[in-house]
Amino acid sequence: MLLGSVCSDGLTYFGTSVSGIHLVIYGLTSLSNREVLGKKFGTQRKHELKGRAISQSDVNNWIESIKQLDKILQEERDLDLGEKLEALHETPKLAEEIKIAAEYLIQGKPGVTLEEKFNASSRIEKTIFKASQILVDTFDLLTVFLNPDSAGLGELISVMPYKLIHKLTFILSTQSDERTKKIVNFVGSCRSEYKVFDSFKIIPMALLNNALKYSLGNQNVEVHFEEQGQSTKISIVSIGPYLDDDEIKMIYQRGYRGASAKKINSAGMGIGLYVAQAAAQANGTTIKASSTLLKTKLNGHDLARNTFTFYAHDAPSRGRSG
């Protein structure tokens, strides 16, 4: 949205955002009061304002041109990336085979549940299992990143969200060296099973990964389940950097990363939440975020209770937001 205002000196400025980048065009006279400008700058400097009576329509056309250029450049980048990945078209199949083999290794260990079998495995077996799971999920995420419409393609499958997220927690919460483990607490329960697209798993994977990555102060991450009729409300809660309203509006944009996220983890690419929202919409829901200040700081960050919420239910035959 293009916003126009007049500054204290009587000059006009416009602000907008393109692909998560803030743009401000200032020093114009289109909305200004000429009398005020005359008093501020004097007639002798009036020539400095020549050529600045640009209308909001002119600015809007310029911004639209920038957006079109950005779109073309993004499409070119995607095409280039797609061509490079074409050489790896067999790799996702190999990753799936590694995943199946790794799961076979874990299933052969003593224990009743998958988590018990996982804990009874050797460090190398755990590493192979976790790496294979994340590798397959990463290829799925990349597919949706390159083609968001693919999140709503394929046959519907039966998924129990509680079981899916429980599996994700012990895969993601321990780093590869096993020295850093963040605890994930489950609040409430849900035994419901829903018909969803395969892309559904991307939603909790991306949100849980973000919560673990950006939580601060050794705080636990919580996953809340609340059954509501034919659906289940799922919230992932963590203590991390405060997200103001403007940032919350932008975090789902492709490639966007907030200032705090960049400081905590410089390696991120702003892909996860963009893809998660695309997967959510394909499965008939929308991710919503809230951030509540805690009035404390850590390492220069204002701490907040950050909550990301979505609903699990039977997906529509064609993905749409709901």
Protein backbone atom coordinates (compact mmCIF):
# COMPACT_ATOMS: atom_id res chain seq x y z
CA MET A 1 0.00 0.00 0.00
CA LEU A 2 1.32 3.44 -0.95
CA LEU A 3 1.10 6.00 1.84
CA GLY A 4 1.58 9.75 1.31
CA SER A 5 2.21 12.31 4.05
CA VAL A 6 3.68 15.77 4.57
CA CYS A 7 6.71 16.19 6.82
CA SER A 8 7.32 19.02 9.30
CA ASP A 9 9.17 21.02 6.61
CA GLY A 10 6.11 20.88 4.37
CA LEU A 11 7.54 18.40 1.85
CA THR A 12 5.72 15.29 0.73
CA TYR A 13 7.00 11.75 1.24
CA PHE A 14 5.62 8.39 0.20
CA GLY A 15 6.35 5.02 1.78
CA THR A 16 5.75 1.51 0.54
CA SER A 17 7.30 -1.97 0.54
CA VAL A 18 8.54 -4.14 -2.32
CA SER A 19 9.43 -7.77 -1.55
CA GLY A 20 9.97 -6.91 2.10
CA ILE A 21 12.19 -3.90 1.35
CA HIS A 22 10.96 -0.51 2.62
CA LEU A 23 11.06 2.30 0.07
CA VAL A 24 10.62 5.98 0.95
CA ILE A 25 10.36 8.70 -1.71
CA TYR A 26 10.78 12.09 -0.07
CA GLY A 27 11.42 15.75 -0.84
CA LEU A 28 8.39 16.14 -3.14
CA THR A 29 5.82 18.94 -3.22
CA SER A 30 2.75 17.10 -4.56
CA LEU A 31 0.69 17.29 -1.33
CA SER A 32 2.41 20.35 0.11
CA ASN A 33 1.01 23.75 0.99
CA ARG A 34 2.89 26.21 -1.24
CA GLU A 35 2.58 29.02 1.30
CA VAL A 36 4.24 26.92 3.99
CA LEU A 37 7.02 25.94 1.60
CA GLY A 38 7.61 29.58 0.71
CA LYS A 39 8.05 30.51 4.38
CA LYS A 40 10.27 27.50 5.09
CA PHE A 41 12.61 27.79 2.12
CA GLY A 42 12.25 31.40 0.98
CA THR A 43 11.82 32.61 -2.58
CA GLN A 44 15.57 32.61 -3.21
CA ARG A 45 15.67 28.80 -2.81
CA LYS A 46 12.43 28.19 -4.67
CA HIS A 47 14.36 26.91 -7.70
CA GLU A 48 15.57 23.94 -5.60
CA LEU A 49 12.02 22.60 -5.54
CA LYS A 50 11.54 22.65 -9.29
CA GLY A 51 10.65 19.28 -10.76
CA ARG A 52 9.42 17.90 -7.42
CA ALA A 53 5.69 18.38 -7.96
CA ILE A 54 5.31 14.68 -8.70
CA SER A 55 1.78 13.35 -8.17
CA GLN A 56 0.83 10.29 -6.18
CA SER A 57 -0.17 8.67 -9.46
CA ASP A 58 3.35 9.22 -10.83
CA VAL A 59 4.91 7.68 -7.73
CA ASN A 60 2.47 4.78 -7.84
CA ASN A 61 3.35 4.06 -11.49
CA TRP A 62 7.04 4.13 -10.62
CA ILE A 63 6.51 1.70 -7.73
CA GLU A 64 4.48 -0.62 -9.97
CA SER A 65 7.35 -0.61 -12.47
CA ILE A 66 9.77 -1.59 -9.71
CA LYS A 67 7.43 -4.41 -8.63
CA GLN A 68 7.17 -5.68 -12.20
CA LEU A 69 10.95 -5.60 -12.54
CA ASP A 70 11.32 -7.41 -9.23
CA LYS A 71 8.85 -10.05 -10.40
CA ILE A 72 10.74 -10.59 -13.66
CA LEU A 73 14.06 -10.87 -11.82
CA GLN A 74 12.53 -13.34 -9.35
CA GLU A 75 11.15 -15.45 -12.19
CA GLU A 76 14.58 -15.45 -13.83
CA ARG A 77 16.19 -16.53 -10.55
CA ASP A 78 13.63 -19.31 -10.15
CA LEU A 79 14.18 -20.49 -13.71
CA ASP A 80 17.93 -20.53 -13.20
CA LEU A 81 17.56 -22.42 -9.91
CA GLY A 82 15.11 -24.87 -11.49
CA GLU A 83 17.53 -25.60 -14.32
CA LYS A 84 20.33 -26.25 -11.85
CA LEU A 85 18.12 -28.53 -9.78
CA GLU A 86 17.02 -30.45 -12.87
CA ALA A 87 20.40 -32.18 -12.80
CA LEU A 88 19.44 -33.47 -9.34
CA HIS A 89 16.02 -34.83 -10.36
CA GLU A 90 16.92 -38.31 -9.08
CA THR A 91 18.21 -37.01 -5.73
CA PRO A 92 14.81 -36.79 -3.97
CA LYS A 93 14.22 -40.48 -4.82
CA LEU A 94 17.61 -41.40 -3.39
CA ALA A 95 16.86 -39.33 -0.28
CA GLU A 96 13.57 -41.23 0.14
CA GLU A 97 15.41 -44.56 -0.12
CA ILE A 98 17.91 -43.42 2.54
CA LYS A 99 14.99 -42.36 4.75
CA ILE A 100 13.32 -45.79 4.42
CA ALA A 101 16.61 -47.55 5.23
CA ALA A 102 17.21 -45.29 8.24
CA GLU A 103 13.70 -45.94 9.58
CA TYR A 104 14.30 -49.69 9.15
CA LEU A 105 17.44 -49.40 11.30
CA ILE A 106 15.56 -47.56 14.06
CA GLN A 107 12.55 -49.90 14.00
CA GLY A 108 14.89 -52.81 14.78
CA LYS A 109 15.87 -51.31 18.14
CA PRO A 110 14.24 -52.24 21.47
CA GLY A 111 11.27 -50.19 22.57
CA VAL A 112 7.56 -49.75 21.91
CA THR A 113 7.31 -46.24 20.47
CA LEU A 114 9.43 -44.72 17.74
CA GLU A 115 10.94 -42.31 20.26
CA GLU A 116 11.98 -45.19 22.55
CA LYS A 117 13.55 -47.01 19.61
CA PHE A 118 15.26 -43.80 18.53
CA ASN A 119 16.71 -43.24 22.02
CA ALA A 120 17.98 -46.83 22.07
CA SER A 121 19.89 -46.30 18.82
CA SER A 122 23.56 -45.40 18.46
CA ARG A 123 24.67 -41.85 17.83
CA ILE A 124 25.50 -42.63 14.19
CA GLU A 125 22.10 -44.28 13.63
CA LYS A 126 20.33 -41.28 15.15
CA THR A 127 22.30 -38.90 12.93
CA ILE A 128 21.50 -40.88 9.78
CA PHE A 129 17.81 -41.07 10.75
CA LYS A 130 17.49 -37.35 11.49
CA ALA A 131 19.49 -36.30 8.43
CA SER A 132 17.42 -38.49 6.10
CA GLN A 133 14.14 -37.13 7.48
CA ILE A 134 15.25 -33.51 7.17
CA LEU A 135 16.70 -34.10 3.70
CA VAL A 136 13.41 -35.47 2.34
CA ASP A 137 11.42 -32.68 3.99
CA THR A 138 13.81 -30.08 2.56
CA PHE A 139 13.22 -31.31 -0.98
CA ASP A 140 9.46 -31.09 -0.37
CA LEU A 141 9.88 -27.55 0.95
CA LEU A 142 11.99 -26.58 -2.06
CA THR A 143 9.37 -27.94 -4.45
CA VAL A 144 6.68 -25.72 -2.92
CA PHE A 145 9.07 -22.76 -2.83
CA LEU A 146 9.62 -23.00 -6.59
CA ASN A 147 5.96 -23.73 -7.32
CA PRO A 148 3.53 -22.75 -4.51
CA ASP A 149 0.60 -24.28 -6.45
CA SER A 150 2.18 -27.72 -5.99
CA ALA A 151 1.18 -27.60 -2.30
CA GLY A 152 -2.40 -28.39 -3.37
CA LEU A 153 -1.59 -31.16 -5.81
CA GLY A 154 -1.71 -34.93 -5.40
CA GLU A 155 -3.99 -37.27 -3.51
CA LEU A 156 -5.21 -36.57 0.01
CA ILE A 157 -3.57 -38.67 2.71
CA SER A 158 -4.57 -39.48 6.31
CA VAL A 159 -2.49 -37.66 8.92
CA MET A 160 -2.71 -37.53 12.70
CA PRO A 161 -1.26 -34.05 13.51
CA TYR A 162 -0.36 -34.93 17.11
CA LYS A 163 1.68 -37.95 16.01
CA LEU A 164 3.29 -36.03 13.13
CA ILE A 165 4.39 -33.11 15.33
CA HIS A 166 5.58 -35.44 18.09
CA LYS A 167 7.88 -37.13 15.57
CA LEU A 168 9.13 -33.78 14.32
CA THR A 169 10.02 -32.62 17.84
CA PHE A 170 12.61 -35.28 18.55
CA ILE A 171 14.06 -34.95 15.05
CA LEU A 172 14.43 -31.16 15.20
CA SER A 173 14.99 -30.44 18.90
CA THR A 174 18.43 -32.11 19.09
CA GLN A 175 21.37 -30.74 17.15
CA SER A 176 23.58 -33.15 15.21
CA ASP A 177 26.25 -33.13 17.94
CA GLU A 178 23.52 -33.85 20.56
CA ARG A 179 25.01 -31.30 22.94
CA THR A 180 22.19 -28.82 22.51
CA LYS A 181 18.68 -30.10 23.08
CA LYS A 182 15.69 -27.82 23.45
CA ILE A 183 12.67 -29.20 25.22
CA VAL A 184 9.30 -29.17 23.48
CA ASN A 185 6.29 -29.51 25.78
CA PHE A 186 2.90 -30.66 24.52
CA VAL A 187 -0.15 -28.97 26.03
CA GLY A 188 -3.43 -30.76 25.43
CA SER A 189 -3.89 -33.76 23.19
CA CYS A 190 -5.45 -34.68 19.87
CA ARG A 191 -6.10 -38.14 18.46
CA SER A 192 -8.02 -36.88 15.45
CA GLU A 193 -6.99 -37.86 11.95
CA TYR A 194 -7.55 -35.70 8.89
CA LYS A 195 -7.38 -36.00 5.12
CA VAL A 196 -4.76 -33.51 3.95
CA PHE A 197 -2.28 -32.91 1.16
CA ASP A 198 1.26 -34.19 1.64
CA SER A 199 2.35 -30.55 1.94
CA PHE A 200 0.58 -30.32 5.32
CA LYS A 201 3.68 -31.61 7.12
CA ILE A 202 5.60 -28.52 5.95
CA ILE A 203 3.45 -26.29 8.20
CA PRO A 204 4.45 -27.70 11.62
CA MET A 205 7.96 -28.49 10.36
CA ALA A 206 8.67 -24.86 9.40
CA LEU A 207 6.97 -23.36 12.47
CA LEU A 208 8.63 -25.75 14.91
CA ASN A 209 12.02 -25.26 13.26
CA ASN A 210 11.62 -21.47 13.57
CA ALA A 211 10.54 -21.70 17.20
CA LEU A 212 13.56 -23.84 18.09
CA LYS A 213 15.96 -21.72 16.05
CA TYR A 214 14.88 -18.33 17.41
CA SER A 215 13.87 -19.16 20.99
CA LEU A 216 16.10 -17.37 23.52
CA GLY A 217 17.17 -17.85 27.11
CA ASN A 218 16.93 -21.67 27.20
CA GLN A 219 13.16 -21.42 27.27
CA ASN A 220 11.01 -24.41 26.38
CA VAL A 221 8.91 -24.46 23.23
CA GLU A 222 5.23 -25.38 23.64
CA VAL A 223 2.82 -27.00 21.21
CA HIS A 224 -0.84 -26.50 22.14
CA PHE A 225 -3.66 -28.71 20.81
CA GLU A 226 -7.33 -27.81 21.13
CA GLU A 227 -10.00 -29.85 19.39
CA GLN A 228 -12.83 -27.71 18.04
CA GLY A 229 -15.53 -29.73 16.39
CA GLN A 230 -14.31 -30.96 13.01
CA SER A 231 -10.91 -29.28 13.36
CA THR A 232 -7.97 -28.93 15.74
CA LYS A 233 -6.40 -25.62 16.67
CA ILE A 234 -2.61 -25.98 16.85
CA SER A 235 -0.37 -23.27 18.34
CA ILE A 236 3.41 -23.29 18.55
CA VAL A 237 4.62 -20.97 21.30
CA SER A 238 8.16 -19.83 22.08
CA ILE A 239 10.05 -17.02 23.82
CA GLY A 240 12.04 -15.01 21.32
CA PRO A 241 12.57 -11.56 19.78
CA TYR A 242 9.53 -9.30 19.71
CA LEU A 243 7.69 -9.06 16.37
CA ASP A 244 5.93 -5.73 15.84
CA ASP A 245 2.76 -5.45 13.76
CA ASP A 246 4.61 -4.40 10.61
CA GLU A 247 6.97 -7.37 10.84
CA ILE A 248 4.11 -9.80 11.44
CA LYS A 249 2.53 -8.58 8.20
CA MET A 250 5.75 -9.21 6.29
CA ILE A 251 7.19 -12.45 7.71
CA TYR A 252 5.34 -14.61 5.20
CA GLN A 253 6.74 -12.72 2.23
CA ARG A 254 9.20 -14.57 0.08
CA GLY A 255 12.79 -13.88 1.16
CA TYR A 256 11.85 -11.60 4.05
CA ARG A 257 13.85 -11.82 7.28
CA GLY A 258 13.46 -9.54 10.27
CA ALA A 259 16.38 -7.67 11.85
CA SER A 260 16.45 -9.92 14.94
CA ALA A 261 16.31 -13.09 12.83
CA LYS A 262 19.34 -11.91 10.84
CA LYS A 263 21.31 -11.25 14.04
CA ILE A 264 20.48 -14.61 15.61
CA ASN A 265 20.98 -16.70 12.47
CA SER A 266 22.70 -15.05 9.51
CA ALA A 267 22.39 -18.18 7.36
CA GLY A 268 18.60 -18.05 6.92
CA MET A 269 17.03 -17.30 3.52
CA GLY A 270 13.46 -16.29 4.42
CA ILE A 271 11.96 -19.41 2.86
CA GLY A 272 10.32 -21.35 5.70
CA LEU A 273 7.36 -19.16 6.61
CA TYR A 274 6.66 -18.29 2.97
CA VAL A 275 6.40 -21.98 2.07
CA ALA A 276 4.52 -22.84 5.28
CA GLN A 277 1.84 -20.24 4.49
CA ALA A 278 1.51 -21.59 0.93
CA ALA A 279 1.08 -25.11 2.35
CA ALA A 280 -1.43 -23.84 4.92
CA GLN A 281 -3.57 -22.15 2.28
CA ALA A 282 -3.50 -25.26 0.10
CA ASN A 283 -4.82 -27.22 3.09
CA GLY A 284 -7.63 -24.76 3.79
CA THR A 285 -6.14 -22.80 6.68
CA THR A 286 -4.00 -19.72 7.36
CA ILE A 287 -1.08 -19.26 9.75
CA LYS A 288 -1.63 -16.38 12.15
CA ALA A 289 1.02 -14.92 14.42
CA SER A 290 0.98 -12.83 17.59
CA SER A 291 3.78 -11.41 19.73
CA THR A 292 3.34 -10.28 23.34
CA LEU A 293 6.12 -8.24 24.95
CA LEU A 294 7.51 -9.58 28.23
CA LYS A 295 9.26 -6.32 29.21
CA THR A 296 12.63 -8.04 29.48
CA LYS A 297 15.71 -8.02 27.25
CA LEU A 298 18.29 -10.62 26.38
CA ASN A 299 21.40 -9.98 24.29
CA GLY A 300 19.89 -6.72 23.11
CA HIS A 301 16.59 -8.30 22.03
CA ASP A 302 13.20 -7.34 23.48
CA LEU A 303 11.75 -10.69 24.54
CA ALA A 304 8.21 -11.70 23.68
CA ARG A 305 5.91 -14.67 23.78
CA ASN A 306 5.51 -15.53 20.09
CA THR A 307 2.58 -17.68 18.99
CA PHE A 308 1.97 -19.16 15.54
CA THR A 309 -1.45 -20.75 15.07
CA PHE A 310 -3.12 -22.80 12.34
CA TYR A 311 -5.99 -25.29 12.10
CA ALA A 312 -5.89 -28.93 11.08
CA HIS A 313 -8.99 -30.30 9.36
CA ASP A 314 -9.93 -32.16 6.21
CA ALA A 315 -8.42 -30.25 3.30
CA PRO A 316 -10.62 -29.02 0.45
CA SER A 317 -10.38 -30.92 -2.82
CA ARG A 318 -8.47 -27.91 -4.12
CA GLY A 319 -6.24 -25.83 -1.81
CA ARG A 320 -7.70 -22.51 -0.73
CA SER A 321 -7.25 -20.26 2.28
CA GLY A 322 -9.75 -20.50 5.09
